[in-house]
Amino acid sequence: MTHEVNREKNIMLKVQDVAARLNCSTATVYQLIESQQLPHYRCPGIRVSEEQLAEFLAARQSAEKPRQQASKPPRQRLKHIRL
């Protein structure tokens, strides 16, 4: 059973696979790689391990939590515009 878990973490994903999992374009994945936000390997192409993707997502979620808690100020009503 432990061999199966270890084998799953060693799966290397292509950029297209990472884009599908993140529900974004391959260009976005390349930008994340270029800006060094998404760890990766350069073997016969760019590969991201399952573990690297999980770490990236965990870091992203922890970074977004404080931003979601901050309340936005109420919008100013534009009285001069009428619909």
Protein backbone atom coordinates (compact mmCIF):
# COMPACT_ATOMS: atom_id res chain seq x y z
CA MET A 1 0.00 0.00 0.00
CA THR A 2 2.80 2.47 0.81
CA HIS A 3 4.39 1.80 -2.57
CA GLU A 4 1.22 2.98 -4.28
CA VAL A 5 1.20 6.24 -2.33
CA ASN A 6 4.88 6.88 -3.11
CA ARG A 7 4.31 6.12 -6.76
CA GLU A 8 1.46 8.66 -6.93
CA LYS A 9 3.66 11.44 -5.53
CA ASN A 10 6.36 10.70 -8.11
CA ILE A 11 4.04 11.22 -11.07
CA MET A 12 5.43 13.89 -13.34
CA LEU A 13 2.87 16.12 -15.06
CA LYS A 14 3.30 17.95 -18.35
CA VAL A 15 2.44 21.63 -18.61
CA GLN A 16 -0.86 20.75 -20.32
CA ASP A 17 -1.78 18.45 -17.42
CA VAL A 18 -0.97 21.12 -14.84
CA ALA A 19 -3.06 23.64 -16.79
CA ALA A 20 -5.99 21.23 -16.81
CA ARG A 21 -5.73 20.67 -13.06
CA LEU A 22 -5.49 24.39 -12.32
CA ASN A 23 -8.25 25.17 -14.83
CA CYS A 24 -6.09 27.74 -16.62
CA SER A 25 -4.17 28.08 -19.88
CA THR A 26 -0.75 26.66 -20.58
CA ALA A 27 0.50 30.24 -20.97
CA THR A 28 -0.46 30.90 -17.34
CA VAL A 29 1.45 27.80 -16.22
CA TYR A 30 4.51 28.95 -18.18
CA GLN A 31 4.24 32.37 -16.47
CA LEU A 32 4.08 30.71 -13.05
CA ILE A 33 7.15 28.65 -13.92
CA GLU A 34 9.07 31.63 -15.31
CA SER A 35 8.29 33.75 -12.24
CA GLN A 36 9.50 30.83 -10.06
CA GLN A 37 6.16 30.55 -8.26
CA LEU A 38 5.63 26.98 -9.46
CA PRO A 39 8.54 24.60 -8.81
CA HIS A 40 9.38 22.30 -11.71
CA TYR A 41 11.94 20.03 -13.32
CA ARG A 42 13.53 20.47 -16.71
CA CYS A 43 14.03 17.03 -18.15
CA PRO A 44 13.20 16.35 -21.81
CA GLY A 45 10.65 19.09 -21.24
CA ILE A 46 9.11 20.90 -18.30
CA ARG A 47 7.61 18.57 -15.71
CA VAL A 48 5.88 19.26 -12.39
CA SER A 49 5.53 16.54 -9.79
CA GLU A 50 2.30 15.90 -7.91
CA GLU A 51 4.06 16.92 -4.71
CA GLN A 52 5.25 20.24 -6.20
CA LEU A 53 1.74 21.00 -7.46
CA ALA A 54 0.24 20.21 -4.04
CA GLU A 55 2.78 22.48 -2.32
CA PHE A 56 2.04 25.27 -4.81
CA LEU A 57 -1.72 24.99 -4.19
CA ALA A 58 -1.25 24.92 -0.41
CA ALA A 59 0.92 28.03 -0.52
CA ARG A 60 -1.60 29.76 -2.77
CA GLN A 61 -4.51 28.98 -0.43
CA SER A 62 -2.68 30.19 2.67
CA ALA A 63 -1.72 33.42 0.87
CA GLU A 64 -5.32 34.08 -0.22
CA LYS A 65 -6.99 33.60 3.17
CA PRO A 66 -5.99 36.97 4.69
CA ARG A 67 -7.05 38.77 1.53
CA GLN A 68 -10.52 37.19 1.64
CA GLN A 69 -11.08 38.20 5.28
CA ALA A 70 -10.53 41.90 4.67
CA SER A 71 -13.85 43.62 4.08
CA LYS A 72 -14.23 45.97 1.17
CA PRO A 73 -15.45 49.51 1.77
CA PRO A 74 -18.97 50.15 0.47
CA ARG A 75 -19.20 51.44 -3.07
CA GLN A 76 -19.82 55.09 -3.51
CA ARG A 77 -23.14 55.72 -5.16
CA LEU A 78 -22.98 57.88 -8.24
CA LYS A 79 -25.98 60.17 -7.89
CA HIS A 80 -25.46 61.99 -11.16
CA ILE A 81 -25.93 58.84 -13.25
CA ARG A 82 -29.49 57.67 -13.84
CA LEU A 83 -30.55 54.56 -15.67
